[in-house]
Amino acid sequence: MSLIEATANRLTGGNKTEAVAMALRYLQQRDARSGSLFAAHPGSVRVRGDVDLIASVLDADDRPDAETGAEIAR
C-alpha cells in the first residue's frame, strides 16, 4: 500500500484526493510568511552600538520642502 493510500485511509476515510489536498495545505501554511518582516530574524543583523534604528531620519528643525512649499534650486 502506498503512503498516500495509507494516509488517506487513516485521515480521510480513503479519500486520496482530500489527503493530497491536506498535505498541500499543510505545506502552503508551513511556508507562509510569518514573524518578522523582510526575513530578518533576531540576531541576523548586526548594528553598531551608536546607531539608533528607531530615531527619525529627519532633523526635528527641518521641515520637508514638500511641506513648506519651498523650491529646491538646481
PDB file of N, CA and C in Angstrom:
ATOM      1  N   MET A   1       0.855  -1.172   0.000  1.00  0.00           N
ATOM      2  CA  MET A   1       0.000   0.000   0.000  1.00  0.00           C
ATOM      3  C   MET A   1       0.898   1.231   0.000  1.00  0.00           C
ATOM      4  N   SER A   2       0.537   2.213  -0.799  1.00  0.00           N
ATOM      5  CA  SER A   2       1.352   3.413  -0.898  1.00  0.00           C
ATOM      6  C   SER A   2       1.131   4.327   0.300  1.00  0.00           C
ATOM      7  N   LEU A   3       2.033   5.259   0.472  1.00  0.00           N
ATOM      8  CA  LEU A   3       1.942   6.214   1.573  1.00  0.00           C
ATOM      9  C   LEU A   3       0.668   7.047   1.480  1.00  0.00           C
ATOM     10  N   ILE A   4       0.312   7.458   0.275  1.00  0.00           N
ATOM     11  CA  ILE A   4      -0.908   8.260   0.100  1.00  0.00           C
ATOM     12  C   ILE A   4      -2.144   7.441   0.459  1.00  0.00           C
ATOM     13  N   GLU A   5      -2.194   6.204   0.017  1.00  0.00           N
ATOM     14  CA  GLU A   5      -3.346   5.355   0.329  1.00  0.00           C
ATOM     15  C   GLU A   5      -3.454   5.097   1.822  1.00  0.00           C
ATOM     16  N   ALA A   6      -2.317   4.813   2.468  1.00  0.00           N
ATOM     17  CA  ALA A   6      -2.339   4.538   3.907  1.00  0.00           C
ATOM     18  C   ALA A   6      -2.776   5.778   4.686  1.00  0.00           C
ATOM     19  N   THR A   7      -2.257   6.912   4.294  1.00  0.00           N
ATOM     20  CA  THR A   7      -2.623   8.161   4.970  1.00  0.00           C
ATOM     21  C   THR A   7      -4.082   8.505   4.697  1.00  0.00           C
ATOM     22  N   ALA A   8      -4.525   8.306   3.471  1.00  0.00           N
ATOM     23  CA  ALA A   8      -5.922   8.588   3.132  1.00  0.00           C
ATOM     24  C   ALA A   8      -6.856   7.702   3.939  1.00  0.00           C
ATOM     25  N   ASN A   9      -6.509   6.446   4.090  1.00  0.00           N
ATOM     26  CA  ASN A   9      -7.342   5.538   4.892  1.00  0.00           C
ATOM     27  C   ASN A   9      -7.403   5.987   6.346  1.00  0.00           C
ATOM     28  N   ARG A  10      -6.275   6.452   6.861  1.00  0.00           N
ATOM     29  CA  ARG A  10      -6.204   6.820   8.278  1.00  0.00           C
ATOM     30  C   ARG A  10      -6.869   8.175   8.552  1.00  0.00           C
ATOM     31  N   LEU A  11      -6.685   9.159   7.661  1.00  0.00           N
ATOM     32  CA  LEU A  11      -7.144  10.524   7.946  1.00  0.00           C
ATOM     33  C   LEU A  11      -8.450  10.929   7.269  1.00  0.00           C
ATOM     34  N   THR A  12      -8.718  10.373   6.112  1.00  0.00           N
ATOM     35  CA  THR A  12      -9.869  10.855   5.337  1.00  0.00           C
ATOM     36  C   THR A  12     -10.839   9.759   4.944  1.00  0.00           C
ATOM     37  N   GLY A  13     -10.732   8.623   5.555  1.00  0.00           N
ATOM     38  CA  GLY A  13     -11.651   7.538   5.208  1.00  0.00           C
ATOM     39  C   GLY A  13     -11.425   6.998   3.810  1.00  0.00           C
ATOM     40  N   GLY A  14     -10.191   7.090   3.301  1.00  0.00           N
ATOM     41  CA  GLY A  14      -9.878   6.535   1.987  1.00  0.00           C
ATOM     42  C   GLY A  14      -9.918   7.541   0.851  1.00  0.00           C
ATOM     43  N   ASN A  15     -10.228   8.795   1.108  1.00  0.00           N
ATOM     44  CA  ASN A  15     -10.298   9.816   0.061  1.00  0.00           C
ATOM     45  C   ASN A  15      -8.888  10.326  -0.226  1.00  0.00           C
ATOM     46  N   LYS A  16      -8.270   9.786  -1.311  1.00  0.00           N
ATOM     47  CA  LYS A  16      -6.896  10.144  -1.646  1.00  0.00           C
ATOM     48  C   LYS A  16      -6.775  11.604  -2.087  1.00  0.00           C
ATOM     49  N   THR A  17      -7.772  12.102  -2.786  1.00  0.00           N
ATOM     50  CA  THR A  17      -7.739  13.499  -3.237  1.00  0.00           C
ATOM     51  C   THR A  17      -7.696  14.438  -2.038  1.00  0.00           C
ATOM     52  N   GLU A  18      -8.509  14.167  -1.036  1.00  0.00           N
ATOM     53  CA  GLU A  18      -8.530  15.006   0.163  1.00  0.00           C
ATOM     54  C   GLU A  18      -7.225  14.879   0.937  1.00  0.00           C
ATOM     55  N   ALA A  19      -6.626  13.686   0.974  1.00  0.00           N
ATOM     56  CA  ALA A  19      -5.353  13.501   1.665  1.00  0.00           C
ATOM     57  C   ALA A  19      -4.253  14.339   1.002  1.00  0.00           C
ATOM     58  N   VAL A  20      -4.223  14.347  -0.315  1.00  0.00           N
ATOM     59  CA  VAL A  20      -3.237  15.156  -1.038  1.00  0.00           C
ATOM     60  C   VAL A  20      -3.519  16.639  -0.806  1.00  0.00           C
ATOM     61  N   ALA A  21      -4.780  17.041  -0.814  1.00  0.00           N
ATOM     62  CA  ALA A  21      -5.146  18.441  -0.568  1.00  0.00           C
ATOM     63  C   ALA A  21      -4.726  18.864   0.837  1.00  0.00           C
ATOM     64  N   MET A  22      -4.899  17.985   1.816  1.00  0.00           N
ATOM     65  CA  MET A  22      -4.467  18.293   3.190  1.00  0.00           C
ATOM     66  C   MET A  22      -2.955  18.508   3.250  1.00  0.00           C
ATOM     67  N   ALA A  23      -2.218  17.659   2.550  1.00  0.00           N
ATOM     68  CA  ALA A  23      -0.757  17.775   2.536  1.00  0.00           C
ATOM     69  C   ALA A  23      -0.323  19.085   1.889  1.00  0.00           C
ATOM     70  N   LEU A  24      -0.964  19.442   0.800  1.00  0.00           N
ATOM     71  CA  LEU A  24      -0.611  20.691   0.124  1.00  0.00           C
ATOM     72  C   LEU A  24      -0.968  21.906   0.975  1.00  0.00           C
ATOM     73  N   ARG A  25      -2.116  21.865   1.649  1.00  0.00           N
ATOM     74  CA  ARG A  25      -2.479  22.974   2.554  1.00  0.00           C
ATOM     75  C   ARG A  25      -1.459  23.103   3.679  1.00  0.00           C
ATOM     76  N   TYR A  26      -1.020  21.977   4.200  1.00  0.00           N
ATOM     77  CA  TYR A  26      -0.018  21.996   5.267  1.00  0.00           C
ATOM     78  C   TYR A  26       1.280  22.635   4.770  1.00  0.00           C
ATOM     79  N   LEU A  27       1.745  22.232   3.591  1.00  0.00           N
ATOM     80  CA  LEU A  27       2.975  22.788   3.045  1.00  0.00           C
ATOM     81  C   LEU A  27       2.836  24.280   2.776  1.00  0.00           C
ATOM     82  N   GLN A  28       1.684  24.680   2.279  1.00  0.00           N
ATOM     83  CA  GLN A  28       1.454  26.086   1.995  1.00  0.00           C
ATOM     84  C   GLN A  28       1.471  26.910   3.284  1.00  0.00           C
ATOM     85  N   GLN A  29       0.842  26.430   4.325  1.00  0.00           N
ATOM     86  CA  GLN A  29       0.825  27.145   5.601  1.00  0.00           C
ATOM     87  C   GLN A  29       2.205  27.160   6.252  1.00  0.00           C
ATOM     88  N   ARG A  30       2.938  26.081   6.113  1.00  0.00           N
ATOM     89  CA  ARG A  30       4.265  25.994   6.726  1.00  0.00           C
ATOM     90  C   ARG A  30       5.214  27.021   6.120  1.00  0.00           C
ATOM     91  N   ASP A  31       5.086  27.258   4.818  1.00  0.00           N
ATOM     92  CA  ASP A  31       5.982  28.189   4.135  1.00  0.00           C
ATOM     93  C   ASP A  31       5.419  29.595   4.050  1.00  0.00           C
ATOM     94  N   ALA A  32       4.239  29.811   4.635  1.00  0.00           N
ATOM     95  CA  ALA A  32       3.636  31.145   4.591  1.00  0.00           C
ATOM     96  C   ALA A  32       4.470  32.101   5.423  1.00  0.00           C
ATOM     97  N   ARG A  33       4.417  33.371   5.035  1.00  0.00           N
ATOM     98  CA  ARG A  33       5.152  34.387   5.793  1.00  0.00           C
ATOM     99  C   ARG A  33       4.555  34.530   7.174  1.00  0.00           C
ATOM    100  N   SER A  34       5.422  34.519   8.120  1.00  0.00           N
ATOM    101  CA  SER A  34       5.004  34.778   9.481  1.00  0.00           C
ATOM    102  C   SER A  34       6.204  35.331  10.217  1.00  0.00           C
ATOM    103  N   GLY A  35       5.937  36.001  11.285  1.00  0.00           N
ATOM    104  CA  GLY A  35       7.045  36.538  12.058  1.00  0.00           C
ATOM    105  C   GLY A  35       7.493  37.879  11.533  1.00  0.00           C
ATOM    106  N   SER A  36       8.788  38.082  11.512  1.00  0.00           N
ATOM    107  CA  SER A  36       9.328  39.390  11.199  1.00  0.00           C
ATOM    108  C   SER A  36       9.299  39.693   9.705  1.00  0.00           C
ATOM    109  N   LEU A  37       9.277  40.958   9.409  1.00  0.00           N
ATOM    110  CA  LEU A  37       9.227  41.436   8.035  1.00  0.00           C
ATOM    111  C   LEU A  37      10.608  41.356   7.405  1.00  0.00           C
ATOM    112  N   PHE A  38      10.677  41.162   6.114  1.00  0.00           N
ATOM    113  CA  PHE A  38      11.909  41.114   5.333  1.00  0.00           C
ATOM    114  C   PHE A  38      12.824  39.968   5.757  1.00  0.00           C
ATOM    115  N   ALA A  39      12.272  38.944   6.339  1.00  0.00           N
ATOM    116  CA  ALA A  39      13.014  37.746   6.728  1.00  0.00           C
ATOM    117  C   ALA A  39      14.135  38.047   7.711  1.00  0.00           C
ATOM    118  N   ALA A  40      14.048  39.141   8.449  1.00  0.00           N
ATOM    119  CA  ALA A  40      15.051  39.450   9.467  1.00  0.00           C
ATOM    120  C   ALA A  40      14.683  38.722  10.747  1.00  0.00           C
ATOM    121  N   HIS A  41      15.589  37.972  11.250  1.00  0.00           N
ATOM    122  CA  HIS A  41      15.354  37.209  12.462  1.00  0.00           C
ATOM    123  C   HIS A  41      16.269  37.737  13.560  1.00  0.00           C
ATOM    124  N   PRO A  42      15.873  37.637  14.800  1.00  0.00           N
ATOM    125  CA  PRO A  42      16.722  38.123  15.881  1.00  0.00           C
ATOM    126  C   PRO A  42      18.141  37.559  15.769  1.00  0.00           C
ATOM    127  N   GLY A  43      19.100  38.461  15.779  1.00  0.00           N
ATOM    128  CA  GLY A  43      20.490  38.056  15.674  1.00  0.00           C
ATOM    129  C   GLY A  43      21.018  37.967  14.259  1.00  0.00           C
ATOM    130  N   SER A  44      20.161  38.141  13.236  1.00  0.00           N
ATOM    131  CA  SER A  44      20.620  38.008  11.853  1.00  0.00           C
ATOM    132  C   SER A  44      21.217  39.297  11.311  1.00  0.00           C
ATOM    133  N   VAL A  45      21.001  40.419  11.993  1.00  0.00           N
ATOM    134  CA  VAL A  45      21.534  41.707  11.549  1.00  0.00           C
ATOM    135  C   VAL A  45      22.364  42.287  12.678  1.00  0.00           C
ATOM    136  N   ARG A  46      23.546  42.770  12.336  1.00  0.00           N
ATOM    137  CA  ARG A  46      24.411  43.396  13.336  1.00  0.00           C
ATOM    138  C   ARG A  46      24.421  44.895  13.101  1.00  0.00           C
ATOM    139  N   VAL A  47      24.224  45.636  14.172  1.00  0.00           N
ATOM    140  CA  VAL A  47      24.175  47.097  14.103  1.00  0.00           C
ATOM    141  C   VAL A  47      25.163  47.642  15.127  1.00  0.00           C
ATOM    142  N   ARG A  48      25.921  48.677  14.699  1.00  0.00           N
ATOM    143  CA  ARG A  48      26.860  49.306  15.632  1.00  0.00           C
ATOM    144  C   ARG A  48      26.109  49.853  16.827  1.00  0.00           C
ATOM    145  N   GLY A  49      26.793  49.968  17.944  1.00  0.00           N
ATOM    146  CA  GLY A  49      26.179  50.426  19.181  1.00  0.00           C
ATOM    147  C   GLY A  49      25.682  51.861  19.130  1.00  0.00           C
ATOM    148  N   ASP A  50      26.293  52.707  18.272  1.00  0.00           N
ATOM    149  CA  ASP A  50      25.894  54.115  18.225  1.00  0.00           C
ATOM    150  C   ASP A  50      24.755  54.389  17.244  1.00  0.00           C
ATOM    151  N   VAL A  51      24.196  53.356  16.635  1.00  0.00           N
ATOM    152  CA  VAL A  51      23.109  53.522  15.663  1.00  0.00           C
ATOM    153  C   VAL A  51      21.769  53.294  16.351  1.00  0.00           C
ATOM    154  N   ASP A  52      20.857  54.259  16.176  1.00  0.00           N
ATOM    155  CA  ASP A  52      19.511  54.143  16.739  1.00  0.00           C
ATOM    156  C   ASP A  52      18.551  53.834  15.592  1.00  0.00           C
ATOM    157  N   LEU A  53      18.053  52.623  15.558  1.00  0.00           N
ATOM    158  CA  LEU A  53      17.212  52.200  14.432  1.00  0.00           C
ATOM    159  C   LEU A  53      15.815  52.812  14.447  1.00  0.00           C
ATOM    160  N   ILE A  54      15.397  53.352  15.574  1.00  0.00           N
ATOM    161  CA  ILE A  54      14.046  53.917  15.618  1.00  0.00           C
ATOM    162  C   ILE A  54      14.049  55.442  15.646  1.00  0.00           C
ATOM    163  N   ALA A  55      15.238  56.064  15.565  1.00  0.00           N
ATOM    164  CA  ALA A  55      15.316  57.529  15.539  1.00  0.00           C
ATOM    165  C   ALA A  55      14.845  58.043  14.180  1.00  0.00           C
ATOM    166  N   SER A  56      14.291  59.235  14.181  1.00  0.00           N
ATOM    167  CA  SER A  56      13.837  59.863  12.944  1.00  0.00           C
ATOM    168  C   SER A  56      15.032  60.176  12.060  1.00  0.00           C
ATOM    169  N   VAL A  57      14.883  59.972  10.764  1.00  0.00           N
ATOM    170  CA  VAL A  57      15.969  60.292   9.849  1.00  0.00           C
ATOM    171  C   VAL A  57      15.976  61.776   9.502  1.00  0.00           C
ATOM    172  N   LEU A  58      14.889  62.468   9.781  1.00  0.00           N
ATOM    173  CA  LEU A  58      14.805  63.904   9.546  1.00  0.00           C
ATOM    174  C   LEU A  58      15.096  64.647  10.839  1.00  0.00           C
ATOM    175  N   ASP A  59      15.803  65.761  10.735  1.00  0.00           N
ATOM    176  CA  ASP A  59      16.025  66.593  11.908  1.00  0.00           C
ATOM    177  C   ASP A  59      14.699  67.200  12.325  1.00  0.00           C
ATOM    178  N   ALA A  60      14.523  67.378  13.609  1.00  0.00           N
ATOM    179  CA  ALA A  60      13.262  67.924  14.118  1.00  0.00           C
ATOM    180  C   ALA A  60      13.051  69.359  13.654  1.00  0.00           C
ATOM    181  N   ASP A  61      14.152  70.103  13.402  1.00  0.00           N
ATOM    182  CA  ASP A  61      14.043  71.516  12.997  1.00  0.00           C
ATOM    183  C   ASP A  61      13.783  71.677  11.510  1.00  0.00           C
ATOM    184  N   ASP A  62      14.141  70.681  10.721  1.00  0.00           N
ATOM    185  CA  ASP A  62      13.979  70.782   9.273  1.00  0.00           C
ATOM    186  C   ASP A  62      12.640  70.204   8.850  1.00  0.00           C
ATOM    187  N   ARG A  63      11.868  71.020   8.176  1.00  0.00           N
ATOM    188  CA  ARG A  63      10.604  70.535   7.614  1.00  0.00           C
ATOM    189  C   ARG A  63      10.861  70.184   6.157  1.00  0.00           C
ATOM    190  N   PRO A  64      10.257  69.127   5.653  1.00  0.00           N
ATOM    191  CA  PRO A  64      10.455  68.758   4.249  1.00  0.00           C
ATOM    192  C   PRO A  64       9.996  69.871   3.310  1.00  0.00           C
ATOM    193  N   ASP A  65      10.677  70.008   2.174  1.00  0.00           N
ATOM    194  CA  ASP A  65      10.326  71.036   1.203  1.00  0.00           C
ATOM    195  C   ASP A  65       8.885  70.906   0.730  1.00  0.00           C
ATOM    196  N   ALA A  66       8.417  69.692   0.580  1.00  0.00           N
ATOM    197  CA  ALA A  66       7.039  69.495   0.131  1.00  0.00           C
ATOM    198  C   ALA A  66       6.059  70.065   1.146  1.00  0.00           C
ATOM    199  N   GLU A  67       6.418  70.042   2.413  1.00  0.00           N
ATOM    200  CA  GLU A  67       5.538  70.562   3.451  1.00  0.00           C
ATOM    201  C   GLU A  67       5.577  72.088   3.506  1.00  0.00           C
ATOM    202  N   THR A  68       6.751  72.670   3.256  1.00  0.00           N
ATOM    203  CA  THR A  68       6.896  74.126   3.357  1.00  0.00           C
ATOM    204  C   THR A  68       6.530  74.833   2.062  1.00  0.00           C
ATOM    205  N   GLY A  69       6.553  74.123   0.959  1.00  0.00           N
ATOM    206  CA  GLY A  69       6.299  74.745  -0.330  1.00  0.00           C
ATOM    207  C   GLY A  69       7.540  75.361  -0.928  1.00  0.00           C
ATOM    208  N   ALA A  70       8.673  75.207  -0.275  1.00  0.00           N
ATOM    209  CA  ALA A  70       9.928  75.775  -0.779  1.00  0.00           C
ATOM    210  C   ALA A  70      10.408  74.990  -1.989  1.00  0.00           C
ATOM    211  N   GLU A  71      11.022  75.697  -2.911  1.00  0.00           N
ATOM    212  CA  GLU A  71      11.565  75.068  -4.110  1.00  0.00           C
ATOM    213  C   GLU A  71      13.063  74.812  -3.895  1.00  0.00           C
ATOM    214  N   ILE A  72      13.553  73.765  -4.483  1.00  0.00           N
ATOM    215  CA  ILE A  72      14.970  73.464  -4.388  1.00  0.00           C
ATOM    216  C   ILE A  72      15.646  74.037  -5.637  1.00  0.00           C
ATOM    217  N   ALA A  73      16.686  74.870  -5.444  1.00  0.00           N
ATOM    218  CA  ALA A  73      17.426  75.437  -6.571  1.00  0.00           C
ATOM    219  C   ALA A  73      18.312  74.358  -7.150  1.00  0.00           C
ATOM    220  N   ARG A  74      18.187  74.177  -8.457  1.00  0.00           N
ATOM    221  CA  ARG A  74      19.014  73.172  -9.131  1.00  0.00           C
ATOM    222  C   ARG A  74      19.873  73.825 -10.170  1.00  0.00           C
TER     223      ARG A  74
END
